C-alpha cells in the first residue's frame, strides 16, 4: 500500500488566507492526517494519484472555511476536522473530473493528474474520493450534515453539466453564467461554511448566514478566477492562461464583451467561441476587446459586490480574531493574482 505523508501546501509570502489558516493551524494539521488515513487503499494507484493531487498544495480555502466557521460558532469538539477533510475530498474529486472534461494539462503549476496518470484513472480515483467522502460523512453521525454535503455534491455536478450547455454558446446571458458558477464553485464554499455551524449546533439563522457568506465568497472567487484566465501570468496562476478561451467557455468577461460588440466583433466571438476556429493572435485580440469594453474591470467590480454581501453576512457574529480573518479573506479572494 502506498502511503503519502506530506500534505503541507506550498507557501507564498503571507496573505490574509495564511493568517486565517494560522488561526486554525492545529485543526488543519489534524485534517491533513485524516486525509492521509482516508485516501489509503490496497489498490496502489488510488493513494498514489490522490496523493499527487492533494500534496500539490493549493489554497486549502474550503476546508479552512469549515474549520473557521466552526471556530466562529464556538465549537469545541473535533467533528469539524472530519468535515473539513470531507470538503477537501469532494473538492479534489471535482478537480480530477474537471481536468478530464477540460483536457487540462496543468493544475497548481504542475502537470495535471490526468496528464500524468491518464483520464480513466483520474475519473475512477475521483469516484473513489467522492465515495470515501460519503463514508466519512456518515461517521459524523448527523443527518443534517449528510443532507447538506450530499446536496452540495449533486449541485456541483449540475453546475458542471450546465457549463457544458453554455460552452460554445454566444447567446449565454449573465444570469445563465451566474447559475453555472453558483453550482460548480460557490455551492461547496457555502456548504463548507454551513456545516461548521451545524456541527456546533447553532441556530438556523447563524447556519444560513454562514451559508450565504460562503455562497457570496464563492461567487466572488470564481469571478476573479475567470478574470485571471485572461489577465494573469501563467507562472503565477499555476495553470495555462487562456484555457477558457481555447475551450469556448462563456465566462462573464466574454459575456459582457459580446453584449457590447459590434457586428465584426460578434463574428469574431462566433468564430472563436462557437466554432472554435482559433488562430495565432486570437487570444490577444479577445483581450483587446475585453479592454475596449471594460469587461475585466467590470467583472472584478461584480466580485466586489458579492464580497460586500459576504461581509454583511458575518455581521450577526461578535467580533473575534477568526471573524476579522474571515472578513480579510474576502479582500484576498478578490485582489489575488493566482
C-alpha atoms as a PDB file:
ATOM      1  CA  UNK A   1       0.000   0.000   0.000  1.00  0.00           C
ATOM      2  CA  UNK A   2       1.411   3.363  -0.998  1.00  0.00           C
ATOM      3  CA  UNK A   3       1.387   5.895   1.834  1.00  0.00           C
ATOM      4  CA  UNK A   4       1.586   9.632   1.302  1.00  0.00           C
ATOM      5  CA  UNK A   5       2.805  11.500   4.348  1.00  0.00           C
ATOM      6  CA  UNK A   6       3.423  15.062   3.213  1.00  0.00           C
ATOM      7  CA  UNK A   7       0.305  17.105   2.528  1.00  0.00           C
ATOM      8  CA  UNK A   8       1.524  20.513   3.621  1.00  0.00           C
ATOM      9  CA  UNK A   9       0.748  23.065   0.891  1.00  0.00           C
ATOM     10  CA  UNK A  10       3.496  25.146  -0.668  1.00  0.00           C
ATOM     11  CA  UNK A  11       3.613  28.608   0.900  1.00  0.00           C
ATOM     12  CA  UNK A  12       3.861  32.023  -0.701  1.00  0.00           C
ATOM     13  CA  UNK A  13       4.521  35.226   1.185  1.00  0.00           C
ATOM     14  CA  UNK A  14       1.958  35.832   3.925  1.00  0.00           C
ATOM     15  CA  UNK A  15      -1.594  36.576   2.801  1.00  0.00           C
ATOM     16  CA  UNK A  16      -4.890  37.006   4.672  1.00  0.00           C
ATOM     17  CA  UNK A  17      -5.591  33.353   3.871  1.00  0.00           C
ATOM     18  CA  UNK A  18      -2.307  32.433   5.563  1.00  0.00           C
ATOM     19  CA  UNK A  19      -3.450  34.444   8.584  1.00  0.00           C
ATOM     20  CA  UNK A  20      -6.801  32.638   8.703  1.00  0.00           C
ATOM     21  CA  UNK A  21      -5.043  29.320   8.234  1.00  0.00           C
ATOM     22  CA  UNK A  22      -2.713  30.114  11.128  1.00  0.00           C
ATOM     23  CA  UNK A  23      -5.712  30.560  13.439  1.00  0.00           C
ATOM     24  CA  UNK A  24      -6.883  27.013  12.671  1.00  0.00           C
ATOM     25  CA  UNK A  25      -3.424  25.500  12.213  1.00  0.00           C
ATOM     26  CA  UNK A  26      -3.803  22.779  14.837  1.00  0.00           C
ATOM     27  CA  UNK A  27      -7.128  21.689  13.361  1.00  0.00           C
ATOM     28  CA  UNK A  28      -5.745  21.793   9.817  1.00  0.00           C
ATOM     29  CA  UNK A  29      -2.823  19.590  10.796  1.00  0.00           C
ATOM     30  CA  UNK A  30      -5.325  17.050  12.103  1.00  0.00           C
ATOM     31  CA  UNK A  31      -7.315  17.372   8.868  1.00  0.00           C
ATOM     32  CA  UNK A  32      -4.207  16.519   6.858  1.00  0.00           C
ATOM     33  CA  UNK A  33      -3.776  13.350   8.922  1.00  0.00           C
ATOM     34  CA  UNK A  34      -7.422  12.418   8.334  1.00  0.00           C
ATOM     35  CA  UNK A  35      -6.928  12.945   4.599  1.00  0.00           C
ATOM     36  CA  UNK A  36      -3.873  10.679   4.587  1.00  0.00           C
ATOM     37  CA  UNK A  37      -5.701   7.939   6.509  1.00  0.00           C
ATOM     38  CA  UNK A  38      -8.810   8.014   4.343  1.00  0.00           C
ATOM     39  CA  UNK A  39      -7.234   8.082   0.914  1.00  0.00           C
ATOM     40  CA  UNK A  40      -5.373   4.829   1.525  1.00  0.00           C
ATOM     41  CA  UNK A  41      -6.359   1.734  -0.425  1.00  0.00           C
ATOM     42  CA  UNK A  42      -4.901  -1.675  -1.218  1.00  0.00           C
ATOM     43  CA  UNK A  43      -5.183  -0.602  -4.849  1.00  0.00           C
ATOM     44  CA  UNK A  44      -1.888   1.290  -5.015  1.00  0.00           C
ATOM     45  CA  UNK A  45      -2.816   3.657  -7.823  1.00  0.00           C
ATOM     46  CA  UNK A  46      -5.561   5.244  -5.694  1.00  0.00           C
ATOM     47  CA  UNK A  47      -3.386   6.765  -2.929  1.00  0.00           C
ATOM     48  CA  UNK A  48      -0.658   7.443  -5.494  1.00  0.00           C
ATOM     49  CA  UNK A  49      -2.905   9.527  -7.753  1.00  0.00           C
ATOM     50  CA  UNK A  50      -4.919  11.121  -4.935  1.00  0.00           C
ATOM     51  CA  UNK A  51      -1.744  11.994  -3.103  1.00  0.00           C
ATOM     52  CA  UNK A  52      -0.262  13.540  -6.227  1.00  0.00           C
ATOM     53  CA  UNK A  53      -3.190  15.953  -6.480  1.00  0.00           C
ATOM     54  CA  UNK A  54      -3.650  16.743  -2.794  1.00  0.00           C
ATOM     55  CA  UNK A  55       0.055  17.066  -1.979  1.00  0.00           C
ATOM     56  CA  UNK A  56       0.403  19.614  -4.790  1.00  0.00           C
ATOM     57  CA  UNK A  57      -1.000  22.117  -2.321  1.00  0.00           C
ATOM     58  CA  UNK A  58      -3.490  24.722  -3.410  1.00  0.00           C
ATOM     59  CA  UNK A  59      -5.138  27.325  -1.256  1.00  0.00           C
ATOM     60  CA  UNK A  60      -6.960  24.841   1.029  1.00  0.00           C
ATOM     61  CA  UNK A  61      -9.601  27.553   1.263  1.00  0.00           C
ATOM     62  CA  UNK A  62     -12.675  25.331   1.516  1.00  0.00           C
ATOM     63  CA  UNK A  63     -11.578  23.106   4.425  1.00  0.00           C
ATOM     64  CA  UNK A  64     -10.121  26.132   6.189  1.00  0.00           C
ATOM     65  CA  UNK A  65     -13.548  27.790   5.917  1.00  0.00           C
ATOM     66  CA  UNK A  66     -15.190  24.777   7.574  1.00  0.00           C
ATOM     67  CA  UNK A  67     -12.725  24.961  10.464  1.00  0.00           C
ATOM     68  CA  UNK A  68     -13.095  28.738  10.721  1.00  0.00           C
ATOM     69  CA  UNK A  69     -16.912  28.608  10.686  1.00  0.00           C
ATOM     70  CA  UNK A  70     -16.942  26.027  13.480  1.00  0.00           C
ATOM     71  CA  UNK A  71     -14.490  28.169  15.439  1.00  0.00           C
ATOM     72  CA  UNK A  72     -16.631  31.261  14.851  1.00  0.00           C
ATOM     73  CA  UNK A  73     -19.602  29.351  16.290  1.00  0.00           C
ATOM     74  CA  UNK A  74     -17.688  28.351  19.406  1.00  0.00           C
ATOM     75  CA  UNK A  75     -17.452  24.645  18.604  1.00  0.00           C
ATOM     76  CA  UNK A  76     -15.134  22.729  20.947  1.00  0.00           C
ATOM     77  CA  UNK A  77     -15.359  19.178  19.588  1.00  0.00           C
ATOM     78  CA  UNK A  78     -13.404  17.541  16.784  1.00  0.00           C
ATOM     79  CA  UNK A  79     -16.028  16.537  14.201  1.00  0.00           C
ATOM     80  CA  UNK A  80     -15.350  19.706  12.234  1.00  0.00           C
ATOM     81  CA  UNK A  81     -11.953  18.230  11.365  1.00  0.00           C
ATOM     82  CA  UNK A  82     -13.570  15.226   9.716  1.00  0.00           C
ATOM     83  CA  UNK A  83     -15.975  17.531   7.893  1.00  0.00           C
ATOM     84  CA  UNK A  84     -13.120  19.696   6.623  1.00  0.00           C
ATOM     85  CA  UNK A  85     -11.472  16.574   5.225  1.00  0.00           C
ATOM     86  CA  UNK A  86     -14.759  15.616   3.561  1.00  0.00           C
ATOM     87  CA  UNK A  87     -14.927  19.043   1.942  1.00  0.00           C
ATOM     88  CA  UNK A  88     -11.374  18.648   0.626  1.00  0.00           C
ATOM     89  CA  UNK A  89     -12.191  15.188  -0.741  1.00  0.00           C
ATOM     90  CA  UNK A  90     -15.253  16.497  -2.572  1.00  0.00           C
ATOM     91  CA  UNK A  91     -13.214  19.384  -3.976  1.00  0.00           C
ATOM     92  CA  UNK A  92     -10.381  17.091  -5.040  1.00  0.00           C
ATOM     93  CA  UNK A  93     -12.796  14.706  -6.730  1.00  0.00           C
ATOM     94  CA  UNK A  94     -14.324  17.542  -8.734  1.00  0.00           C
ATOM     95  CA  UNK A  95     -10.847  18.751  -9.769  1.00  0.00           C
ATOM     96  CA  UNK A  96      -9.961  15.298 -11.073  1.00  0.00           C
ATOM     97  CA  UNK A  97     -13.174  15.129 -13.080  1.00  0.00           C
ATOM     98  CA  UNK A  98     -12.927  18.743 -14.279  1.00  0.00           C
ATOM     99  CA  UNK A  99      -9.418  18.339 -15.618  1.00  0.00           C
ATOM    100  CA  UNK A 100     -10.528  15.339 -17.659  1.00  0.00           C
ATOM    101  CA  UNK A 101     -13.554  17.171 -19.053  1.00  0.00           C
ATOM    102  CA  UNK A 102     -11.476  20.283 -19.798  1.00  0.00           C
ATOM    103  CA  UNK A 103      -8.485  18.289 -21.086  1.00  0.00           C
ATOM    104  CA  UNK A 104      -6.276  20.372 -18.784  1.00  0.00           C
ATOM    105  CA  UNK A 105      -2.520  19.819 -18.755  1.00  0.00           C
ATOM    106  CA  UNK A 106      -1.668  21.946 -15.707  1.00  0.00           C
ATOM    107  CA  UNK A 107      -3.022  22.083 -12.174  1.00  0.00           C
ATOM    108  CA  UNK A 108      -1.410  24.291  -9.499  1.00  0.00           C
ATOM    109  CA  UNK A 109       1.636  24.803 -11.673  1.00  0.00           C
ATOM    110  CA  UNK A 110       2.293  21.080 -12.137  1.00  0.00           C
ATOM    111  CA  UNK A 111       1.214  18.548 -14.725  1.00  0.00           C
ATOM    112  CA  UNK A 112      -2.429  17.675 -14.012  1.00  0.00           C
ATOM    113  CA  UNK A 113      -3.247  14.216 -12.658  1.00  0.00           C
ATOM    114  CA  UNK A 114      -4.894  13.203 -15.930  1.00  0.00           C
ATOM    115  CA  UNK A 115      -1.774  14.264 -17.848  1.00  0.00           C
ATOM    116  CA  UNK A 116       0.369  12.055 -15.587  1.00  0.00           C
ATOM    117  CA  UNK A 117      -1.907   9.088 -14.898  1.00  0.00           C
ATOM    118  CA  UNK A 118      -4.407   9.233 -17.763  1.00  0.00           C
ATOM    119  CA  UNK A 119      -8.078  10.147 -17.995  1.00  0.00           C
ATOM    120  CA  UNK A 120      -9.507   6.789 -16.956  1.00  0.00           C
ATOM    121  CA  UNK A 121      -7.522   6.607 -13.735  1.00  0.00           C
ATOM    122  CA  UNK A 122      -8.354  10.232 -12.884  1.00  0.00           C
ATOM    123  CA  UNK A 123     -12.098   9.702 -13.294  1.00  0.00           C
ATOM    124  CA  UNK A 124     -12.095   6.497 -11.275  1.00  0.00           C
ATOM    125  CA  UNK A 125      -9.993   7.905  -8.436  1.00  0.00           C
ATOM    126  CA  UNK A 126     -12.300  10.920  -8.406  1.00  0.00           C
ATOM    127  CA  UNK A 127     -15.171   8.481  -7.962  1.00  0.00           C
ATOM    128  CA  UNK A 128     -13.268   6.839  -5.094  1.00  0.00           C
ATOM    129  CA  UNK A 129     -12.793  10.191  -3.335  1.00  0.00           C
ATOM    130  CA  UNK A 130     -16.489  11.012  -3.700  1.00  0.00           C
ATOM    131  CA  UNK A 131     -17.463   7.618  -2.298  1.00  0.00           C
ATOM    132  CA  UNK A 132     -14.978   7.834   0.562  1.00  0.00           C
ATOM    133  CA  UNK A 133     -16.264  11.309   1.422  1.00  0.00           C
ATOM    134  CA  UNK A 134     -19.738   9.861   1.966  1.00  0.00           C
ATOM    135  CA  UNK A 135     -18.336   7.168   4.237  1.00  0.00           C
ATOM    136  CA  UNK A 136     -16.687   9.924   6.273  1.00  0.00           C
ATOM    137  CA  UNK A 137     -19.906  11.973   6.403  1.00  0.00           C
ATOM    138  CA  UNK A 138     -21.751   9.021   7.895  1.00  0.00           C
ATOM    139  CA  UNK A 139     -19.144   8.799  10.662  1.00  0.00           C
ATOM    140  CA  UNK A 140     -20.030  12.322  11.743  1.00  0.00           C
ATOM    141  CA  UNK A 141     -23.452  10.952  12.719  1.00  0.00           C
ATOM    142  CA  UNK A 142     -25.520  13.946  11.594  1.00  0.00           C
ATOM    143  CA  UNK A 143     -28.319  13.645   9.065  1.00  0.00           C
ATOM    144  CA  UNK A 144     -28.226  17.429   8.612  1.00  0.00           C
ATOM    145  CA  UNK A 145     -24.556  17.312   7.667  1.00  0.00           C
ATOM    146  CA  UNK A 146     -25.189  14.397   5.315  1.00  0.00           C
ATOM    147  CA  UNK A 147     -28.049  16.296   3.699  1.00  0.00           C
ATOM    148  CA  UNK A 148     -26.022  19.494   3.240  1.00  0.00           C
ATOM    149  CA  UNK A 149     -22.915  17.898   1.751  1.00  0.00           C
ATOM    150  CA  UNK A 150     -24.724  15.313  -0.367  1.00  0.00           C
ATOM    151  CA  UNK A 151     -26.880  18.095  -1.809  1.00  0.00           C
ATOM    152  CA  UNK A 152     -23.756  20.145  -2.467  1.00  0.00           C
ATOM    153  CA  UNK A 153     -22.227  17.228  -4.379  1.00  0.00           C
ATOM    154  CA  UNK A 154     -25.319  16.988  -6.575  1.00  0.00           C
ATOM    155  CA  UNK A 155     -25.453  20.752  -7.154  1.00  0.00           C
ATOM    156  CA  UNK A 156     -21.773  20.808  -8.151  1.00  0.00           C
ATOM    157  CA  UNK A 157     -22.454  18.116 -10.751  1.00  0.00           C
ATOM    158  CA  UNK A 158     -25.460  20.073 -12.014  1.00  0.00           C
ATOM    159  CA  UNK A 159     -23.299  23.182 -12.330  1.00  0.00           C
ATOM    160  CA  UNK A 160     -20.732  21.308 -14.388  1.00  0.00           C
ATOM    161  CA  UNK A 161     -23.447  19.975 -16.700  1.00  0.00           C
ATOM    162  CA  UNK A 162     -24.891  23.478 -17.032  1.00  0.00           C
ATOM    163  CA  UNK A 163     -21.452  24.679 -18.050  1.00  0.00           C
ATOM    164  CA  UNK A 164     -21.396  22.092 -20.800  1.00  0.00           C
ATOM    165  CA  UNK A 165     -24.679  23.568 -22.030  1.00  0.00           C
ATOM    166  CA  UNK A 166     -23.335  27.133 -22.104  1.00  0.00           C
ATOM    167  CA  UNK A 167     -19.913  26.276 -23.530  1.00  0.00           C
ATOM    168  CA  UNK A 168     -19.627  27.485 -27.150  1.00  0.00           C
ATOM    169  CA  UNK A 169     -22.983  29.296 -26.860  1.00  0.00           C
ATOM    170  CA  UNK A 170     -22.523  33.015 -27.507  1.00  0.00           C
ATOM    171  CA  UNK A 171     -26.173  33.584 -26.566  1.00  0.00           C
ATOM    172  CA  UNK A 172     -25.289  32.843 -22.918  1.00  0.00           C
ATOM    173  CA  UNK A 173     -26.598  35.532 -20.567  1.00  0.00           C
ATOM    174  CA  UNK A 174     -25.079  36.866 -17.375  1.00  0.00           C
ATOM    175  CA  UNK A 175     -27.890  35.161 -15.458  1.00  0.00           C
ATOM    176  CA  UNK A 176     -27.080  31.792 -17.034  1.00  0.00           C
ATOM    177  CA  UNK A 177     -23.389  32.272 -16.262  1.00  0.00           C
ATOM    178  CA  UNK A 178     -24.170  33.038 -12.609  1.00  0.00           C
ATOM    179  CA  UNK A 179     -26.308  29.911 -12.376  1.00  0.00           C
ATOM    180  CA  UNK A 180     -23.315  27.893 -13.564  1.00  0.00           C
ATOM    181  CA  UNK A 181     -20.803  29.322 -11.091  1.00  0.00           C
ATOM    182  CA  UNK A 182     -23.199  29.147  -8.153  1.00  0.00           C
ATOM    183  CA  UNK A 183     -23.425  25.432  -8.788  1.00  0.00           C
ATOM    184  CA  UNK A 184     -19.949  24.406  -9.851  1.00  0.00           C
ATOM    185  CA  UNK A 185     -17.993  26.614  -7.418  1.00  0.00           C
ATOM    186  CA  UNK A 186     -19.979  28.582  -4.852  1.00  0.00           C
ATOM    187  CA  UNK A 187     -22.170  25.762  -3.521  1.00  0.00           C
ATOM    188  CA  UNK A 188     -19.205  23.943  -1.979  1.00  0.00           C
ATOM    189  CA  UNK A 189     -17.984  27.180  -0.354  1.00  0.00           C
ATOM    190  CA  UNK A 190     -21.482  27.655   1.070  1.00  0.00           C
ATOM    191  CA  UNK A 191     -21.861  24.081   2.298  1.00  0.00           C
ATOM    192  CA  UNK A 192     -18.352  24.117   3.787  1.00  0.00           C
ATOM    193  CA  UNK A 193     -19.314  27.112   5.920  1.00  0.00           C
ATOM    194  CA  UNK A 194     -22.809  25.930   6.833  1.00  0.00           C
ATOM    195  CA  UNK A 195     -21.668  22.581   8.248  1.00  0.00           C
ATOM    196  CA  UNK A 196     -19.396  24.469  10.643  1.00  0.00           C
ATOM    197  CA  UNK A 197     -22.485  25.999  12.260  1.00  0.00           C
ATOM    198  CA  UNK A 198     -24.495  22.764  12.088  1.00  0.00           C
ATOM    199  CA  UNK A 199     -21.845  20.668  13.834  1.00  0.00           C
ATOM    200  CA  UNK A 200     -21.701  23.372  16.527  1.00  0.00           C
ATOM    201  CA  UNK A 201     -25.492  23.046  16.931  1.00  0.00           C
ATOM    202  CA  UNK A 202     -26.053  26.729  16.309  1.00  0.00           C
ATOM    203  CA  UNK A 203     -29.438  28.294  15.399  1.00  0.00           C
ATOM    204  CA  UNK A 204     -30.633  28.128  11.792  1.00  0.00           C
ATOM    205  CA  UNK A 205     -30.154  31.892  11.388  1.00  0.00           C
ATOM    206  CA  UNK A 206     -26.421  31.505  12.022  1.00  0.00           C
ATOM    207  CA  UNK A 207     -26.153  28.464   9.756  1.00  0.00           C
ATOM    208  CA  UNK A 208     -27.915  30.380   6.968  1.00  0.00           C
ATOM    209  CA  UNK A 209     -25.712  33.444   7.489  1.00  0.00           C
ATOM    210  CA  UNK A 210     -22.615  31.284   7.087  1.00  0.00           C
ATOM    211  CA  UNK A 211     -24.102  29.531   4.054  1.00  0.00           C
ATOM    212  CA  UNK A 212     -24.750  32.933   2.467  1.00  0.00           C
ATOM    213  CA  UNK A 213     -21.231  34.106   3.356  1.00  0.00           C
ATOM    214  CA  UNK A 214     -19.783  31.055   1.633  1.00  0.00           C
ATOM    215  CA  UNK A 215     -22.045  31.435  -1.394  1.00  0.00           C
ATOM    216  CA  UNK A 216     -21.139  35.077  -1.954  1.00  0.00           C
ATOM    217  CA  UNK A 217     -17.458  34.425  -1.304  1.00  0.00           C
ATOM    218  CA  UNK A 218     -17.529  31.526  -3.761  1.00  0.00           C
ATOM    219  CA  UNK A 219     -19.161  33.628  -6.474  1.00  0.00           C
ATOM    220  CA  UNK A 220     -16.526  36.331  -5.978  1.00  0.00           C
ATOM    221  CA  UNK A 221     -13.802  33.680  -6.089  1.00  0.00           C
ATOM    222  CA  UNK A 222     -14.993  32.284  -9.440  1.00  0.00           C
ATOM    223  CA  UNK A 223     -15.493  35.726 -10.972  1.00  0.00           C
ATOM    224  CA  UNK A 224     -11.875  36.553 -10.184  1.00  0.00           C
ATOM    225  CA  UNK A 225     -10.734  33.157 -11.488  1.00  0.00           C
ATOM    226  CA  UNK A 226     -12.452  33.956 -14.777  1.00  0.00           C
ATOM    227  CA  UNK A 227     -10.702  37.329 -14.948  1.00  0.00           C
ATOM    228  CA  UNK A 228      -7.318  35.747 -14.212  1.00  0.00           C
ATOM    229  CA  UNK A 229      -7.728  33.345 -17.116  1.00  0.00           C
ATOM    230  CA  UNK A 230      -7.353  36.364 -19.397  1.00  0.00           C
ATOM    231  CA  UNK A 231      -5.078  38.607 -17.358  1.00  0.00           C
ATOM    232  CA  UNK A 232      -2.693  36.605 -15.154  1.00  0.00           C
ATOM    233  CA  UNK A 233       0.826  35.431 -15.792  1.00  0.00           C
ATOM    234  CA  UNK A 234       0.888  31.665 -16.307  1.00  0.00           C
ATOM    235  CA  UNK A 235       3.764  31.164 -13.855  1.00  0.00           C
ATOM    236  CA  UNK A 236       1.770  32.962 -11.172  1.00  0.00           C
ATOM    237  CA  UNK A 237      -1.607  31.427 -11.964  1.00  0.00           C
ATOM    238  CA  UNK A 238      -0.388  27.829 -11.898  1.00  0.00           C
ATOM    239  CA  UNK A 239      -2.387  26.816 -14.952  1.00  0.00           C
ATOM    240  CA  UNK A 240      -2.392  27.726 -18.620  1.00  0.00           C
ATOM    241  CA  UNK A 241      -3.652  31.268 -19.259  1.00  0.00           C
ATOM    242  CA  UNK A 242      -6.398  31.373 -21.887  1.00  0.00           C
ATOM    243  CA  UNK A 243      -7.743  27.871 -21.241  1.00  0.00           C
ATOM    244  CA  UNK A 244     -11.313  29.188 -21.012  1.00  0.00           C
ATOM    245  CA  UNK A 245     -10.917  30.916 -24.379  1.00  0.00           C
ATOM    246  CA  UNK A 246      -9.468  27.846 -26.067  1.00  0.00           C
ATOM    247  CA  UNK A 247     -12.295  25.678 -24.710  1.00  0.00           C
ATOM    248  CA  UNK A 248     -15.012  28.166 -25.700  1.00  0.00           C
ATOM    249  CA  UNK A 249     -16.233  28.743 -22.139  1.00  0.00           C
ATOM    250  CA  UNK A 250     -18.620  31.660 -21.896  1.00  0.00           C
ATOM    251  CA  UNK A 251     -17.369  33.317 -18.717  1.00  0.00           C
ATOM    252  CA  UNK A 252     -18.503  36.779 -17.648  1.00  0.00           C
ATOM    253  CA  UNK A 253     -15.691  38.750 -19.349  1.00  0.00           C
ATOM    254  CA  UNK A 254     -16.740  37.161 -22.641  1.00  0.00           C
ATOM    255  CA  UNK A 255     -20.469  37.556 -21.979  1.00  0.00           C
ATOM    256  CA  UNK A 256     -20.012  41.273 -21.256  1.00  0.00           C
ATOM    257  CA  UNK A 257     -17.802  41.747 -24.320  1.00  0.00           C
ATOM    258  CA  UNK A 258     -20.316  40.056 -26.607  1.00  0.00           C
ATOM    259  CA  UNK A 259     -23.206  42.096 -25.194  1.00  0.00           C
ATOM    260  CA  UNK A 260     -21.400  45.291 -26.268  1.00  0.00           C
ATOM    261  CA  UNK A 261     -19.891  44.004 -29.514  1.00  0.00           C
ATOM    262  CA  UNK A 262     -20.396  45.419 -32.977  1.00  0.00           C
ATOM    263  CA  UNK A 263     -21.075  43.079 -35.889  1.00  0.00           C
ATOM    264  CA  UNK A 264     -17.403  42.435 -36.654  1.00  0.00           C
ATOM    265  CA  UNK A 265     -16.697  41.670 -33.024  1.00  0.00           C
ATOM    266  CA  UNK A 266     -19.702  39.345 -32.782  1.00  0.00           C
ATOM    267  CA  UNK A 267     -18.389  37.494 -35.829  1.00  0.00           C
ATOM    268  CA  UNK A 268     -15.026  37.130 -34.067  1.00  0.00           C
ATOM    269  CA  UNK A 269     -16.660  35.678 -30.944  1.00  0.00           C
ATOM    270  CA  UNK A 270     -18.824  33.366 -33.021  1.00  0.00           C
ATOM    271  CA  UNK A 271     -15.806  32.036 -34.893  1.00  0.00           C
ATOM    272  CA  UNK A 272     -13.562  31.593 -31.875  1.00  0.00           C
ATOM    273  CA  UNK A 273     -16.057  30.525 -29.196  1.00  0.00           C
ATOM    274  CA  UNK A 274     -18.821  28.703 -31.075  1.00  0.00           C
ATOM    275  CA  UNK A 275     -16.895  27.261 -33.995  1.00  0.00           C
ATOM    276  CA  UNK A 276     -13.613  27.027 -32.047  1.00  0.00           C
ATOM    277  CA  UNK A 277     -11.782  28.179 -35.160  1.00  0.00           C
ATOM    278  CA  UNK A 278      -8.885  29.913 -33.446  1.00  0.00           C
ATOM    279  CA  UNK A 279      -5.675  31.233 -34.907  1.00  0.00           C
ATOM    280  CA  UNK A 280      -2.492  32.784 -33.552  1.00  0.00           C
ATOM    281  CA  UNK A 281      -3.281  36.172 -32.090  1.00  0.00           C
ATOM    282  CA  UNK A 282      -6.948  35.445 -31.359  1.00  0.00           C
ATOM    283  CA  UNK A 283      -6.441  35.277 -27.598  1.00  0.00           C
ATOM    284  CA  UNK A 284      -4.655  38.619 -27.678  1.00  0.00           C
ATOM    285  CA  UNK A 285      -7.476  40.085 -29.775  1.00  0.00           C
ATOM    286  CA  UNK A 286     -10.024  38.783 -27.277  1.00  0.00           C
ATOM    287  CA  UNK A 287      -8.074  40.533 -24.513  1.00  0.00           C
ATOM    288  CA  UNK A 288      -8.074  43.732 -26.567  1.00  0.00           C
ATOM    289  CA  UNK A 289     -11.857  43.568 -26.967  1.00  0.00           C
ATOM    290  CA  UNK A 290     -12.276  42.983 -23.246  1.00  0.00           C
ATOM    291  CA  UNK A 291     -10.177  46.063 -22.539  1.00  0.00           C
ATOM    292  CA  UNK A 292     -12.203  48.074 -25.064  1.00  0.00           C
ATOM    293  CA  UNK A 293     -15.471  47.153 -23.342  1.00  0.00           C
ATOM    294  CA  UNK A 294     -14.085  47.271 -19.789  1.00  0.00           C
ATOM    295  CA  UNK A 295     -15.191  43.673 -19.327  1.00  0.00           C
ATOM    296  CA  UNK A 296     -12.406  42.521 -16.992  1.00  0.00           C
ATOM    297  CA  UNK A 297     -12.687  45.556 -14.724  1.00  0.00           C
ATOM    298  CA  UNK A 298     -16.471  45.213 -14.545  1.00  0.00           C
ATOM    299  CA  UNK A 299     -16.180  41.528 -13.696  1.00  0.00           C
ATOM    300  CA  UNK A 300     -13.908  42.450 -10.782  1.00  0.00           C
ATOM    301  CA  UNK A 301     -16.487  45.037  -9.705  1.00  0.00           C
ATOM    302  CA  UNK A 302     -19.123  42.287  -9.697  1.00  0.00           C
ATOM    303  CA  UNK A 303     -16.783  40.304  -7.462  1.00  0.00           C
ATOM    304  CA  UNK A 304     -16.506  43.274  -5.114  1.00  0.00           C
ATOM    305  CA  UNK A 305     -20.307  43.430  -4.959  1.00  0.00           C
ATOM    306  CA  UNK A 306     -20.507  39.813  -3.848  1.00  0.00           C
ATOM    307  CA  UNK A 307     -17.626  40.427  -1.469  1.00  0.00           C
ATOM    308  CA  UNK A 308     -19.638  43.205   0.164  1.00  0.00           C
ATOM    309  CA  UNK A 309     -22.575  40.828   0.539  1.00  0.00           C
ATOM    310  CA  UNK A 310     -20.289  38.241   2.163  1.00  0.00           C
ATOM    311  CA  UNK A 311     -19.035  40.886   4.563  1.00  0.00           C
ATOM    312  CA  UNK A 312     -22.604  41.754   5.548  1.00  0.00           C
ATOM    313  CA  UNK A 313     -23.404  38.075   6.100  1.00  0.00           C
ATOM    314  CA  UNK A 314     -20.922  37.968   9.003  1.00  0.00           C
ATOM    315  CA  UNK A 315     -22.480  40.986  10.733  1.00  0.00           C
ATOM    316  CA  UNK A 316     -24.545  38.898  13.207  1.00  0.00           C
ATOM    317  CA  UNK A 317     -21.417  37.332  14.695  1.00  0.00           C
ATOM    318  CA  UNK A 318     -19.492  39.086  17.512  1.00  0.00           C
ATOM    319  CA  UNK A 319     -16.058  40.484  16.851  1.00  0.00           C
ATOM    320  CA  UNK A 320     -13.220  37.992  17.231  1.00  0.00           C
ATOM    321  CA  UNK A 321      -9.868  37.219  15.604  1.00  0.00           C
ATOM    322  CA  UNK A 322     -11.480  34.479  13.497  1.00  0.00           C
ATOM    323  CA  UNK A 323     -14.235  36.812  12.279  1.00  0.00           C
ATOM    324  CA  UNK A 324     -11.712  39.504  11.361  1.00  0.00           C
ATOM    325  CA  UNK A 325      -9.658  36.951   9.456  1.00  0.00           C
ATOM    326  CA  UNK A 326     -12.745  35.683   7.604  1.00  0.00           C
ATOM    327  CA  UNK A 327     -13.530  39.262   6.606  1.00  0.00           C
ATOM    328  CA  UNK A 328      -9.968  39.847   5.397  1.00  0.00           C
ATOM    329  CA  UNK A 329     -10.122  36.690   3.280  1.00  0.00           C
ATOM    330  CA  UNK A 330     -12.866  38.340   1.227  1.00  0.00           C
ATOM    331  CA  UNK A 331     -10.429  41.001   0.024  1.00  0.00           C
ATOM    332  CA  UNK A 332      -7.749  38.356  -0.544  1.00  0.00           C
ATOM    333  CA  UNK A 333     -10.072  36.362  -2.809  1.00  0.00           C
ATOM    334  CA  UNK A 334     -10.827  39.440  -4.894  1.00  0.00           C
ATOM    335  CA  UNK A 335      -7.363  41.013  -5.036  1.00  0.00           C
ATOM    336  CA  UNK A 336      -5.277  37.829  -5.561  1.00  0.00           C
ATOM    337  CA  UNK A 337      -3.246  37.245  -8.711  1.00  0.00           C
ATOM    338  CA  UNK A 338      -3.347  33.429  -8.583  1.00  0.00           C
END
